[in-house]
Amino acid sequence: MYRQFRMLYDKGDDSAFYQHAHAFEAYLKSINDLKSYYKTMTNEGFYDIKQNHLFRAIQTAQTLDAEAKKNKSVDYYYLATGLMGNIYRASYDTHRAEQYFIQALDEVDDRDPKFTMVTLRDLAQLLCIKNPSAAIEYTSQAEELAEEREDIDNLSLSKAMKLYVQFMNGNKADFEKTYREYEQLRQQGDSTFNHQYDNLVEIAHLTFNGAYQKAIAKLKEGRIYVDSSLVAICIYDQAGDTENGFKAMKRRNIEMDSLFSIVQNANFNQMATERTLVRAREEASQSRKTVKRLTNWIMVIIVVFLIIYIMGRRRLVRIIWDKNKKLQAALDRAEESNRMKSAFINNMSHEIRTPLNVIGGFSSLLCQSGVDLSEEEKENMQERITYNVDLITTIVGEVLELSNSESVTGQRPDSEMSDVVINDLCRKLLHSMADDSKEGVETRFTTNVPDDFTVRTHPSTMNRILTHLYGNAQKFTEKGHIELRCEQDKAAHLIRLTMEDTGVGIKPEDRDRIFDLFEKAADNFKEGIGLGLPICRRLASSIGGEINLDPDYTDGCRFVLSIPV
């Protein structure tokens, strides 16, 4: 059962994990193995944290604490306290997390050395920037305890955490000393040496030796098990690379906004789920009472009114089924609406907050008295404010356009159609957007239809679709070309307009979801909220056409808009 528990912890879904965990806990409790029972419940809490079920994790910790107190298991109070520390660390409440970790160390005493070493490292990582001297002290305590127990696994992890703290605070001399100790320990070849932080240690060593590019390349490989954005900022800081350091800080702010949104939504969603379950239990209890009363009444009169009962029962079943179908349909719509609302809030929160912060910051600086700025600096700030205002305008415009596209049901009326010279429409579009072209990116138009060839369609809708596609291609293409191609398929009575670029492209596993709302498969750090392609598909459908991604093209992206002739 324990092996199955560990397997589901690492790879299982919520339903299977919780079902097995509760069965395993019930078994351990039945055989009075309280130590394993408490630790299994603690691991259930860690699973809650890993899945961002923070409200549920708090409930697990409270249940664990209540069980320990009920059984007067004073020696295991520290497990619930340590779990609360990890919950608050996941919620980015550093102050409370530190308090709970320190309390857990007081409660555990010398009963569980492994727990003590892990908690000391958790404190060191938590305080590595806020209080580096305390963080170093905690890693030293963890090292001493590991050396006393000749525990190479925890000794290697503790030295690696000390190296991380020294690296984050730029202590090169101390780092080099600890690094030599870490290397000597690793070269002993002990099978229990833990290599979890090898990549992180190597990144720090490369940085201190001036190999910044190699350090960044190593960072991109991943597997460092700490905040990679903080590590990147530290590398750029030591390299004196202000521009990339600023970009790394901006990315981290965006990531933190997203993480805070996820944590907040996880708590709200979990609380909403709990309220729903309570209501469901109450309704189920009430329904059982009603059915019981109805059954008793039917049994009294069943002999006299058997035929009437059967006919009435059939009619009642039909009514219940009809109502159940309506309720299920309403529930599905509500769940979809809730999902869309959550996706909208998650995307809009940081996409709008970032440019607003930029505008507010620069505006405040420009308005401060006594700040001496050159004309070049003022002009630069004005350009950035204008850029971010335009960015917000674009986001709001996309939301409004999505709303307009959703309000269109079926195809647009024929009265809005007109004869369009298709080549002229394409050339005018590219000409109107020529000022936004990037240096090193060639924009071109090719066609195999005559210049006087006309298509009866909706010109404004066509122009909106092509503008979105060109804007996407331009956003993700840094070199090469962007080509708009017009081709006639006489056999299928179609005109195909192809927008092809040599940009970053889309991974095969992401191709099925790029037309979903708020999906940004190409690059999550690019501006935009993932509405362009869904809007394009809806607009194409409204004029009787369709838009698809060509999966055979691998040098970038190729979108094909097909409209009937």
Protein backbone atom coordinates (compact mmCIF):
# COMPACT_ATOMS: atom_id res chain seq x y z
CA MET A 1 0.00 0.00 0.00
CA TYR A 2 2.88 2.38 0.70
CA ARG A 3 4.42 1.82 -2.76
CA GLN A 4 1.04 2.50 -4.36
CA PHE A 5 0.73 5.64 -2.20
CA ARG A 6 4.13 6.95 -3.39
CA MET A 7 3.34 6.15 -7.01
CA LEU A 8 0.01 8.02 -6.89
CA TYR A 9 1.68 10.90 -5.02
CA ASP A 10 4.10 11.37 -7.92
CA LYS A 11 1.92 10.49 -10.93
CA GLY A 12 -1.70 9.89 -9.94
CA ASP A 13 -4.75 12.11 -10.32
CA ASP A 14 -6.55 13.70 -7.36
CA SER A 15 -9.39 11.19 -7.19
CA ALA A 16 -7.16 8.09 -7.21
CA PHE A 17 -4.63 9.60 -4.79
CA TYR A 18 -7.12 10.73 -2.15
CA GLN A 19 -9.09 7.47 -2.33
CA HIS A 20 -5.97 5.39 -1.78
CA ALA A 21 -4.53 7.79 0.84
CA HIS A 22 -7.66 7.62 2.98
CA ALA A 23 -7.80 3.82 2.68
CA PHE A 24 -4.10 3.58 3.63
CA GLU A 25 -4.60 5.92 6.61
CA ALA A 26 -7.62 3.90 7.79
CA TYR A 27 -5.54 0.71 7.62
CA LEU A 28 -2.64 2.22 9.60
CA LYS A 29 -5.07 3.52 12.21
CA SER A 30 -6.74 0.09 12.48
CA ILE A 31 -3.41 -1.58 13.32
CA ASN A 32 -2.54 1.29 15.71
CA ASP A 33 0.59 2.32 13.74
CA LEU A 34 0.13 5.96 14.72
CA LYS A 35 3.59 7.11 13.64
CA SER A 36 3.06 5.92 10.05
CA TYR A 37 -0.54 7.19 10.19
CA TYR A 38 0.54 10.74 11.12
CA LYS A 39 3.34 10.81 8.54
CA THR A 40 1.03 9.54 5.79
CA MET A 41 -1.46 12.29 6.64
CA THR A 42 1.42 14.79 6.54
CA ASN A 43 2.34 13.58 3.04
CA GLU A 44 -1.30 14.00 2.04
CA GLY A 45 -0.93 17.64 3.11
CA PHE A 46 2.20 18.00 0.99
CA TYR A 47 0.25 16.59 -1.98
CA ASP A 48 -2.45 19.22 -1.33
CA ILE A 49 0.24 21.94 -1.48
CA LYS A 50 1.77 20.48 -4.65
CA GLN A 51 -1.64 20.60 -6.35
CA ASN A 52 -2.35 24.16 -5.04
CA HIS A 53 -5.25 22.87 -2.88
CA LEU A 54 -4.15 25.19 -0.07
CA PHE A 55 -7.53 25.38 1.67
CA ARG A 56 -7.65 21.59 1.69
CA ALA A 57 -4.04 21.48 2.95
CA ILE A 58 -5.02 23.66 5.92
CA GLN A 59 -7.90 21.28 6.67
CA THR A 60 -5.50 18.31 6.48
CA ALA A 61 -3.11 20.05 8.92
CA GLN A 62 -5.98 20.85 11.29
CA THR A 63 -7.23 17.26 11.15
CA LEU A 64 -3.68 15.96 11.79
CA ASP A 65 -3.29 18.31 14.76
CA ALA A 66 -6.72 17.32 16.16
CA GLU A 67 -5.91 13.58 15.79
CA ALA A 68 -2.57 13.99 17.57
CA LYS A 69 -4.21 15.89 20.43
CA LYS A 70 -7.10 13.42 20.65
CA ASN A 71 -4.63 10.53 20.97
CA LYS A 72 -2.38 12.61 23.25
CA SER A 73 0.49 12.01 20.81
CA VAL A 74 2.50 15.02 21.98
CA ASP A 75 5.63 13.69 20.27
CA TYR A 76 4.04 14.21 16.83
CA TYR A 77 2.67 17.75 17.18
CA TYR A 78 5.61 19.00 15.12
CA LEU A 79 4.29 17.30 11.96
CA ALA A 80 1.16 19.51 11.81
CA THR A 81 3.20 22.60 12.74
CA GLY A 82 5.77 21.94 9.99
CA LEU A 83 2.99 21.31 7.47
CA MET A 84 1.47 24.71 8.33
CA GLY A 85 4.86 26.30 7.72
CA ASN A 86 4.99 24.79 4.23
CA ILE A 87 1.41 25.92 3.54
CA TYR A 88 2.24 29.52 4.38
CA ARG A 89 5.46 29.31 2.39
CA ALA A 90 3.43 28.19 -0.64
CA SER A 91 1.08 31.14 0.04
CA TYR A 92 4.12 33.51 0.06
CA ASP A 93 3.45 34.51 3.68
CA THR A 94 7.13 34.48 4.72
CA HIS A 95 6.54 35.82 8.23
CA ARG A 96 4.03 33.15 9.26
CA ALA A 97 6.00 30.39 7.52
CA GLU A 98 9.11 31.34 9.52
CA GLN A 99 7.14 31.33 12.79
CA TYR A 100 5.69 27.86 12.15
CA PHE A 101 9.05 26.39 11.09
CA ILE A 102 10.75 27.71 14.24
CA GLN A 103 7.89 26.38 16.40
CA ALA A 104 8.18 22.98 14.66
CA LEU A 105 11.91 22.84 15.50
CA ASP A 106 11.10 23.51 19.16
CA GLU A 107 8.45 20.77 19.19
CA VAL A 108 10.49 18.08 17.39
CA ASP A 109 13.51 18.41 19.71
CA ASP A 110 15.80 15.44 18.79
CA ARG A 111 13.03 12.93 17.96
CA ASP A 112 13.20 13.23 14.16
CA PRO A 113 16.63 14.38 12.91
CA LYS A 114 15.64 14.09 9.25
CA PHE A 115 12.65 16.40 9.80
CA THR A 116 14.93 18.81 11.67
CA MET A 117 17.46 18.96 8.81
CA VAL A 118 14.76 19.44 6.18
CA THR A 119 13.13 22.24 8.21
CA LEU A 120 16.48 23.99 8.76
CA ARG A 121 17.03 23.97 4.97
CA ASP A 122 13.48 25.25 4.41
CA LEU A 123 14.22 28.16 6.77
CA ALA A 124 17.51 28.88 5.00
CA GLN A 125 15.84 29.00 1.58
CA LEU A 126 12.99 31.12 2.98
CA LEU A 127 15.38 33.69 4.52
CA CYS A 128 18.23 33.62 1.97
CA ILE A 129 17.53 37.23 0.92
CA LYS A 130 15.60 38.63 3.88
CA ASN A 131 18.13 37.50 6.54
CA PRO A 132 21.22 35.86 4.93
CA SER A 133 23.20 35.54 8.18
CA ALA A 134 20.34 33.58 9.78
CA ALA A 135 20.03 31.47 6.61
CA ILE A 136 23.75 30.57 6.77
CA GLU A 137 23.38 29.66 10.46
CA TYR A 138 20.48 27.31 9.69
CA THR A 139 22.46 25.54 6.94
CA SER A 140 25.43 25.17 9.32
CA GLN A 141 23.17 23.57 11.94
CA ALA A 142 21.82 21.17 9.32
CA GLU A 143 25.42 20.30 8.28
CA GLU A 144 26.49 19.62 11.85
CA LEU A 145 23.53 17.36 12.50
CA ALA A 146 24.15 15.45 9.23
CA GLU A 147 27.88 15.01 10.10
CA GLU A 148 27.00 13.70 13.56
CA ARG A 149 24.72 11.09 11.98
CA GLU A 150 27.14 10.42 9.07
CA ASP A 151 24.16 11.17 6.78
CA ILE A 152 25.80 11.92 3.39
CA ASP A 153 22.39 12.48 1.74
CA ASN A 154 21.39 15.36 4.04
CA LEU A 155 24.98 16.63 4.36
CA SER A 156 25.22 17.12 0.58
CA LEU A 157 21.82 18.85 0.47
CA SER A 158 22.75 21.15 3.37
CA LYS A 159 26.07 22.19 1.81
CA ALA A 160 24.30 22.84 -1.50
CA MET A 161 21.75 25.06 0.27
CA LYS A 162 24.58 26.99 1.95
CA LEU A 163 26.17 27.50 -1.50
CA TYR A 164 22.84 28.83 -2.78
CA VAL A 165 22.57 31.37 0.08
CA GLN A 166 26.19 32.49 -0.43
CA PHE A 167 25.64 32.82 -4.17
CA MET A 168 22.43 34.88 -3.79
CA ASN A 169 24.29 37.29 -1.50
CA GLY A 170 27.50 37.52 -3.59
CA ASN A 171 29.82 36.02 -0.92
CA LYS A 172 32.46 34.70 -3.35
CA ALA A 173 35.17 33.91 -0.78
CA ASP A 174 32.83 31.93 1.47
CA PHE A 175 31.30 30.29 -1.59
CA GLU A 176 34.67 29.03 -2.89
CA LYS A 177 35.46 27.47 0.50
CA THR A 178 32.09 25.70 0.72
CA TYR A 179 32.34 24.72 -2.96
CA ARG A 180 35.65 22.89 -2.33
CA GLU A 181 34.04 21.01 0.57
CA TYR A 182 31.04 20.12 -1.62
CA GLU A 183 33.32 18.85 -4.43
CA GLN A 184 35.43 16.78 -2.02
CA LEU A 185 32.28 15.19 -0.63
CA ARG A 186 30.94 14.47 -4.13
CA GLN A 187 34.25 12.96 -5.33
CA GLN A 188 34.17 10.42 -2.50
CA GLY A 189 31.67 8.55 -4.69
CA ASP A 190 29.27 7.70 -1.87
CA SER A 191 26.07 6.25 -3.37
CA THR A 192 23.91 8.23 -0.92
CA PHE A 193 25.29 11.60 -2.08
CA ASN A 194 22.27 13.66 -3.26
CA HIS A 195 22.86 15.32 -6.65
CA GLN A 196 19.61 17.31 -6.59
CA TYR A 197 21.34 20.71 -6.54
CA ASP A 198 24.33 19.90 -8.78
CA ASN A 199 23.06 22.12 -11.61
CA LEU A 200 22.42 25.02 -9.21
CA VAL A 201 25.89 24.72 -7.69
CA GLU A 202 27.51 24.64 -11.13
CA ILE A 203 25.55 27.74 -12.22
CA ALA A 204 26.74 29.65 -9.15
CA HIS A 205 30.35 28.52 -9.71
CA LEU A 206 30.29 29.61 -13.36
CA THR A 207 28.87 32.99 -12.38
CA PHE A 208 31.51 33.69 -9.76
CA ASN A 209 34.17 32.81 -12.34
CA GLY A 210 32.77 35.24 -14.91
CA ALA A 211 31.29 32.61 -17.27
CA TYR A 212 27.91 34.36 -17.33
CA GLN A 213 26.71 33.05 -20.69
CA LYS A 214 27.49 29.46 -19.70
CA ALA A 215 25.67 30.05 -16.42
CA ILE A 216 22.57 31.33 -18.25
CA ALA A 217 22.70 28.37 -20.67
CA LYS A 218 22.95 25.98 -17.70
CA LEU A 219 20.02 27.75 -16.01
CA LYS A 220 17.83 27.15 -19.08
CA GLU A 221 18.41 23.40 -18.69
CA GLY A 222 16.30 23.55 -15.51
CA ARG A 223 16.40 21.08 -12.59
CA ILE A 224 17.64 23.64 -10.01
CA TYR A 225 14.73 23.27 -7.52
CA VAL A 226 14.78 26.94 -6.40
CA ASP A 227 13.34 30.16 -7.85
CA SER A 228 14.98 30.25 -11.31
CA SER A 229 13.99 33.90 -11.87
CA LEU A 230 15.90 34.97 -8.73
CA VAL A 231 18.93 33.01 -9.90
CA ALA A 232 18.76 34.72 -13.32
CA ILE A 233 18.55 38.16 -11.69
CA CYS A 234 21.57 37.33 -9.53
CA ILE A 235 23.61 36.24 -12.59
CA TYR A 236 22.78 39.42 -14.53
CA ASP A 237 23.50 41.53 -11.46
CA GLN A 238 26.99 40.07 -11.08
CA ALA A 239 27.54 40.42 -14.83
CA GLY A 240 26.54 44.09 -14.68
CA ASP A 241 23.93 43.40 -17.38
CA THR A 242 21.28 45.93 -16.32
CA GLU A 243 19.05 45.45 -19.37
CA ASN A 244 18.69 41.67 -19.04
CA GLY A 245 18.48 42.00 -15.26
CA PHE A 246 15.51 44.34 -15.69
CA LYS A 247 13.90 41.87 -18.11
CA ALA A 248 14.42 39.02 -15.64
CA MET A 249 12.84 41.11 -12.86
CA LYS A 250 9.89 41.91 -15.13
CA ARG A 251 9.43 38.20 -15.95
CA ARG A 252 9.55 37.34 -12.25
CA ASN A 253 6.93 39.97 -11.43
CA ILE A 254 4.68 38.51 -14.14
CA GLU A 255 5.29 34.97 -12.84
CA MET A 256 4.58 36.07 -9.25
CA ASP A 257 1.35 37.76 -10.37
CA SER A 258 0.30 34.52 -12.06
CA LEU A 259 1.29 32.43 -9.04
CA PHE A 260 -0.60 34.70 -6.65
CA SER A 261 -3.64 34.42 -8.94
CA ILE A 262 -3.32 30.62 -8.98
CA VAL A 263 -3.00 30.47 -5.18
CA GLN A 264 -5.93 32.83 -4.72
CA ASN A 265 -8.08 30.96 -7.21
CA ALA A 266 -7.10 27.63 -5.64
CA ASN A 267 -8.26 28.86 -2.23
CA PHE A 268 -11.46 30.38 -3.58
CA ASN A 269 -12.22 27.34 -5.74
CA GLN A 270 -11.57 24.97 -2.84
CA MET A 271 -13.85 26.98 -0.54
CA ALA A 272 -16.52 27.08 -3.23
CA THR A 273 -16.20 23.31 -3.63
CA GLU A 274 -16.57 22.80 0.11
CA ARG A 275 -19.72 24.96 0.17
CA THR A 276 -21.09 22.98 -2.76
CA LEU A 277 -20.41 19.68 -1.00
CA VAL A 278 -22.12 20.89 2.18
CA ARG A 279 -25.18 21.96 0.19
CA ALA A 280 -25.15 18.65 -1.70
CA ARG A 281 -25.06 16.69 1.57
CA GLU A 282 -27.93 18.74 2.97
CA GLU A 283 -29.97 18.29 -0.21
CA ALA A 284 -29.22 14.56 -0.28
CA SER A 285 -30.30 14.20 3.36
CA GLN A 286 -33.50 16.13 2.70
CA SER A 287 -34.18 14.04 -0.42
CA ARG A 288 -33.76 10.80 1.55
CA LYS A 289 -36.24 11.98 4.15
CA THR A 290 -38.73 12.97 1.46
CA VAL A 291 -38.38 9.63 -0.34
CA LYS A 292 -38.84 7.77 2.93
CA ARG A 293 -42.05 9.64 3.74
CA LEU A 294 -43.34 9.15 0.20
CA THR A 295 -42.55 5.42 0.31
CA ASN A 296 -44.43 4.96 3.58
CA TRP A 297 -47.43 6.77 2.19
CA ILE A 298 -47.41 4.71 -1.00
CA MET A 299 -47.22 1.44 0.93
CA VAL A 300 -50.45 2.37 2.78
CA ILE A 301 -52.48 2.99 -0.37
CA ILE A 302 -50.66 0.73 -2.86
CA VAL A 303 -53.35 -1.97 -2.81
CA VAL A 304 -56.23 0.44 -3.50
CA PHE A 305 -54.58 2.69 -6.03
CA LEU A 306 -52.06 0.33 -7.69
CA ILE A 307 -52.95 1.29 -11.27
CA ILE A 308 -53.14 5.00 -10.45
CA TYR A 309 -49.81 4.77 -8.67
CA ILE A 310 -48.07 3.08 -11.59
CA MET A 311 -49.38 5.64 -14.07
CA GLY A 312 -48.53 8.55 -11.76
CA ARG A 313 -45.09 7.13 -11.07
CA ARG A 314 -44.29 6.88 -14.75
CA ARG A 315 -45.36 10.47 -15.26
CA LEU A 316 -43.32 11.57 -12.24
CA VAL A 317 -40.20 9.79 -13.54
CA ARG A 318 -40.53 11.57 -16.89
CA ILE A 319 -40.85 14.93 -15.15
CA ILE A 320 -37.82 14.20 -12.94
CA TRP A 321 -35.73 13.14 -15.93
CA ASP A 322 -36.70 16.29 -17.81
CA LYS A 323 -35.80 18.46 -14.85
CA ASN A 324 -32.52 16.60 -14.33
CA LYS A 325 -31.57 17.22 -17.96
CA LYS A 326 -32.37 20.92 -17.59
CA LEU A 327 -30.42 21.11 -14.32
CA GLN A 328 -27.43 19.31 -15.89
CA ALA A 329 -27.48 21.68 -18.85
CA ALA A 330 -27.62 24.67 -16.49
CA LEU A 331 -24.75 23.21 -14.43
CA ASP A 332 -22.62 22.68 -17.54
CA ARG A 333 -23.23 26.28 -18.60
CA ALA A 334 -22.39 27.55 -15.12
CA GLU A 335 -19.16 25.51 -14.99
CA GLU A 336 -18.11 26.77 -18.42
CA SER A 337 -18.92 30.33 -17.39
CA ASN A 338 -16.87 29.89 -14.19
CA ARG A 339 -13.95 28.45 -16.15
CA MET A 340 -14.06 31.35 -18.60
CA LYS A 341 -14.28 33.84 -15.74
CA SER A 342 -11.24 32.31 -14.01
CA ALA A 343 -9.25 32.24 -17.26
CA PHE A 344 -10.23 35.85 -17.97
CA ILE A 345 -9.20 37.04 -14.49
CA ASN A 346 -5.90 35.12 -14.55
CA ASN A 347 -4.91 36.54 -17.93
CA MET A 348 -6.20 40.10 -17.57
CA SER A 349 -4.82 40.61 -14.05
CA HIS A 350 -1.14 40.59 -14.93
CA GLU A 351 -1.46 41.59 -18.61
CA ILE A 352 -3.10 44.90 -17.64
CA ARG A 353 -1.33 45.38 -14.30
CA THR A 354 2.16 45.39 -15.82
CA PRO A 355 1.60 48.28 -18.31
CA LEU A 356 -0.41 50.18 -15.67
CA ASN A 357 2.51 49.89 -13.25
CA VAL A 358 4.86 51.21 -15.96
CA ILE A 359 2.54 54.13 -16.76
CA GLY A 360 2.02 54.98 -13.09
CA GLY A 361 5.71 54.76 -12.27
CA PHE A 362 6.92 56.96 -15.13
CA SER A 363 4.04 59.44 -14.69
CA SER A 364 4.87 59.80 -10.99
CA LEU A 365 8.55 60.34 -11.81
CA LEU A 366 7.77 62.95 -14.46
CA CYS A 367 5.52 64.85 -12.03
CA GLN A 368 7.94 64.88 -9.10
CA SER A 369 9.54 68.18 -8.33
CA GLY A 370 13.28 68.30 -7.97
CA VAL A 371 13.90 65.37 -10.33
CA ASP A 372 16.38 66.50 -12.97
CA LEU A 373 15.72 64.62 -16.20
CA SER A 374 17.29 65.23 -19.58
CA GLU A 375 15.15 65.80 -22.63
CA GLU A 376 16.25 62.40 -23.95
CA GLU A 377 15.12 60.71 -20.73
CA LYS A 378 11.79 62.54 -20.79
CA GLU A 379 11.26 61.54 -24.41
CA ASN A 380 12.13 57.93 -23.58
CA MET A 381 9.64 57.90 -20.70
CA GLN A 382 6.95 59.46 -22.89
CA GLU A 383 7.53 56.77 -25.52
CA ARG A 384 7.22 54.02 -22.91
CA ILE A 385 4.03 55.53 -21.48
CA THR A 386 2.56 55.80 -24.98
CA TYR A 387 3.57 52.22 -25.77
CA ASN A 388 1.93 50.85 -22.62
CA VAL A 389 -1.23 52.94 -23.17
CA ASP A 390 -1.43 51.47 -26.68
CA LEU A 391 -0.92 47.99 -25.20
CA ILE A 392 -3.84 48.43 -22.79
CA THR A 393 -5.96 49.83 -25.62
CA THR A 394 -5.14 46.75 -27.72
CA ILE A 395 -6.08 44.38 -24.87
CA VAL A 396 -9.40 46.15 -24.26
CA GLY A 397 -10.02 46.21 -28.00
CA GLU A 398 -9.49 42.44 -28.22
CA VAL A 399 -11.92 41.85 -25.35
CA LEU A 400 -14.53 44.06 -27.05
CA GLU A 401 -13.92 42.33 -30.35
CA LEU A 402 -14.35 38.93 -28.67
CA SER A 403 -17.66 40.15 -27.24
CA ASN A 404 -18.77 41.34 -30.68
CA SER A 405 -17.76 38.05 -32.29
CA GLU A 406 -19.69 36.09 -29.65
CA SER A 407 -22.80 38.15 -30.33
CA VAL A 408 -22.79 37.02 -33.96
CA THR A 409 -24.84 33.85 -34.44
CA GLY A 410 -24.68 32.07 -37.78
CA GLN A 411 -23.35 33.75 -40.91
CA ARG A 412 -23.40 37.47 -41.55
CA PRO A 413 -26.26 38.73 -43.80
CA ASP A 414 -25.72 38.86 -47.56
CA SER A 415 -26.66 42.55 -47.52
CA GLU A 416 -23.25 43.32 -45.97
CA MET A 417 -21.36 41.59 -48.82
CA SER A 418 -19.63 43.38 -51.69
CA ASP A 419 -17.26 42.57 -54.54
CA VAL A 420 -13.68 42.69 -53.31
CA VAL A 421 -10.55 42.73 -55.50
CA ILE A 422 -8.68 40.22 -53.41
CA ASN A 423 -5.13 41.20 -54.45
CA ASP A 424 -5.82 44.89 -53.74
CA LEU A 425 -7.16 44.04 -50.27
CA CYS A 426 -3.98 42.08 -49.43
CA ARG A 427 -1.59 44.73 -50.76
CA LYS A 428 -3.37 47.54 -48.91
CA LEU A 429 -3.22 45.57 -45.67
CA LEU A 430 0.54 44.99 -45.93
CA HIS A 431 1.11 48.62 -46.96
CA SER A 432 -0.88 49.94 -43.99
CA MET A 433 1.24 47.88 -41.58
CA ALA A 434 4.60 48.51 -43.24
CA ASP A 435 5.65 51.04 -40.58
CA ASP A 436 5.53 48.32 -37.92
CA SER A 437 7.89 45.97 -39.78
CA LYS A 438 10.98 44.78 -37.89
CA GLU A 439 14.48 45.22 -39.21
CA GLY A 440 15.74 41.97 -40.72
CA VAL A 441 12.23 40.64 -41.45
CA GLU A 442 11.14 40.70 -45.10
CA THR A 443 7.43 41.23 -45.76
CA ARG A 444 6.15 40.00 -49.13
CA PHE A 445 2.99 39.19 -51.04
CA THR A 446 2.58 36.51 -53.71
CA THR A 447 -0.49 35.53 -55.70
CA ASN A 448 -1.54 33.19 -58.49
CA VAL A 449 -4.83 34.94 -59.25
CA PRO A 450 -5.25 37.84 -61.71
CA ASP A 451 -5.17 41.38 -60.33
CA ASP A 452 -8.77 41.97 -61.43
CA PHE A 453 -10.09 38.81 -59.74
CA THR A 454 -12.98 39.63 -57.37
CA VAL A 455 -14.60 37.73 -54.52
CA ARG A 456 -18.03 38.51 -53.13
CA THR A 457 -17.52 38.58 -49.36
CA HIS A 458 -17.43 40.84 -46.29
CA PRO A 459 -14.37 43.10 -46.74
CA SER A 460 -14.23 44.53 -43.20
CA THR A 461 -14.31 41.05 -41.64
CA MET A 462 -11.65 39.81 -44.08
CA ASN A 463 -9.45 42.76 -43.17
CA ARG A 464 -9.85 42.14 -39.42
CA ILE A 465 -8.87 38.47 -39.79
CA LEU A 466 -5.77 39.22 -41.88
CA THR A 467 -4.76 42.06 -39.54
CA HIS A 468 -4.83 39.66 -36.55
CA LEU A 469 -2.83 37.01 -38.45
CA TYR A 470 -0.22 39.53 -39.63
CA GLY A 471 0.07 41.00 -36.12
CA ASN A 472 0.73 37.51 -34.69
CA ALA A 473 3.35 36.76 -37.34
CA GLN A 474 5.06 40.09 -36.71
CA LYS A 475 5.06 39.60 -32.92
CA PHE A 476 6.83 36.22 -33.03
CA THR A 477 9.20 36.71 -36.00
CA GLU A 478 12.63 38.25 -35.36
CA LYS A 479 14.31 37.34 -38.65
CA GLY A 480 13.49 35.77 -41.99
CA HIS A 481 10.21 36.66 -43.69
CA ILE A 482 6.48 37.11 -43.38
CA GLU A 483 4.60 36.15 -46.53
CA LEU A 484 0.94 36.65 -47.41
CA ARG A 485 0.02 34.32 -50.26
CA CYS A 486 -3.21 34.26 -52.29
CA GLU A 487 -4.16 31.08 -54.18
CA GLN A 488 -7.28 29.92 -55.99
CA ASP A 489 -8.55 26.35 -55.67
CA LYS A 490 -10.87 26.09 -58.65
CA ALA A 491 -11.89 22.49 -57.92
CA ALA A 492 -13.05 23.36 -54.40
CA HIS A 493 -14.36 26.84 -55.38
CA LEU A 494 -12.18 28.43 -52.71
CA ILE A 495 -9.70 31.26 -52.28
CA ARG A 496 -6.94 30.42 -49.81
CA LEU A 497 -5.05 33.24 -48.09
CA THR A 498 -1.93 31.93 -46.36
CA MET A 499 0.00 33.89 -43.70
CA GLU A 500 3.44 32.29 -43.33
CA ASP A 501 6.33 33.35 -41.09
CA THR A 502 9.72 32.12 -39.90
CA GLY A 503 9.08 32.86 -36.22
CA VAL A 504 9.20 30.67 -33.11
CA GLY A 505 6.48 28.32 -34.36
CA ILE A 506 4.13 26.22 -32.23
CA LYS A 507 5.00 22.92 -30.54
CA PRO A 508 3.07 19.88 -31.85
CA GLU A 509 1.51 19.26 -28.43
CA ASP A 510 0.13 22.84 -28.36
CA ARG A 511 -1.45 22.89 -31.83
CA ASP A 512 -4.84 21.55 -30.74
CA ARG A 513 -5.41 24.35 -28.20
CA ILE A 514 -4.18 27.52 -29.96
CA PHE A 515 -7.71 28.42 -31.05
CA ASP A 516 -8.99 28.17 -27.44
CA LEU A 517 -9.66 31.37 -25.52
CA PHE A 518 -6.76 32.83 -23.48
CA GLU A 519 -4.23 30.26 -24.78
CA LYS A 520 -0.72 31.56 -25.57
CA ALA A 521 1.18 28.52 -26.83
CA ALA A 522 4.03 30.29 -28.63
CA ASP A 523 5.52 32.51 -25.92
CA ASN A 524 3.86 33.31 -22.58
CA PHE A 525 6.10 36.34 -22.09
CA LYS A 526 4.86 38.12 -25.24
CA GLU A 527 2.19 40.80 -24.83
CA GLY A 528 -1.39 39.75 -25.46
CA ILE A 529 -4.04 37.68 -23.72
CA GLY A 530 -4.56 34.87 -26.23
CA LEU A 531 -7.69 36.13 -28.01
CA GLY A 532 -6.43 36.82 -31.54
CA LEU A 533 -6.74 33.33 -33.03
CA PRO A 534 -10.11 32.50 -31.38
CA ILE A 535 -11.49 35.79 -32.76
CA CYS A 536 -10.10 34.95 -36.21
CA ARG A 537 -11.79 31.54 -36.23
CA ARG A 538 -15.16 33.00 -35.16
CA LEU A 539 -14.95 35.78 -37.76
CA ALA A 540 -13.98 33.27 -40.48
CA SER A 541 -16.96 31.10 -39.57
CA SER A 542 -19.28 34.13 -39.72
CA ILE A 543 -18.43 34.68 -43.42
CA GLY A 544 -18.69 31.00 -44.36
CA GLY A 545 -14.95 30.31 -44.25
CA GLU A 546 -12.52 28.53 -41.96
CA ILE A 547 -9.00 29.04 -40.63
CA ASN A 548 -6.48 26.32 -39.78
CA LEU A 549 -2.82 25.84 -38.84
CA ASP A 550 -0.73 23.95 -41.42
CA PRO A 551 0.93 21.13 -39.36
CA ASP A 552 3.40 20.24 -42.14
CA TYR A 553 5.17 23.61 -42.01
CA THR A 554 7.97 23.58 -39.41
CA ASP A 555 10.01 26.75 -40.12
CA GLY A 556 7.59 28.91 -38.14
CA CYS A 557 3.80 29.21 -38.43
CA ARG A 558 1.54 28.95 -41.45
CA PHE A 559 -2.15 29.81 -41.06
CA VAL A 560 -4.54 29.16 -43.96
CA LEU A 561 -7.79 31.13 -44.33
CA SER A 562 -10.21 29.49 -46.80
CA ILE A 563 -13.23 31.43 -48.07
CA PRO A 564 -15.78 30.36 -50.66
CA VAL A 565 -15.74 31.99 -54.11
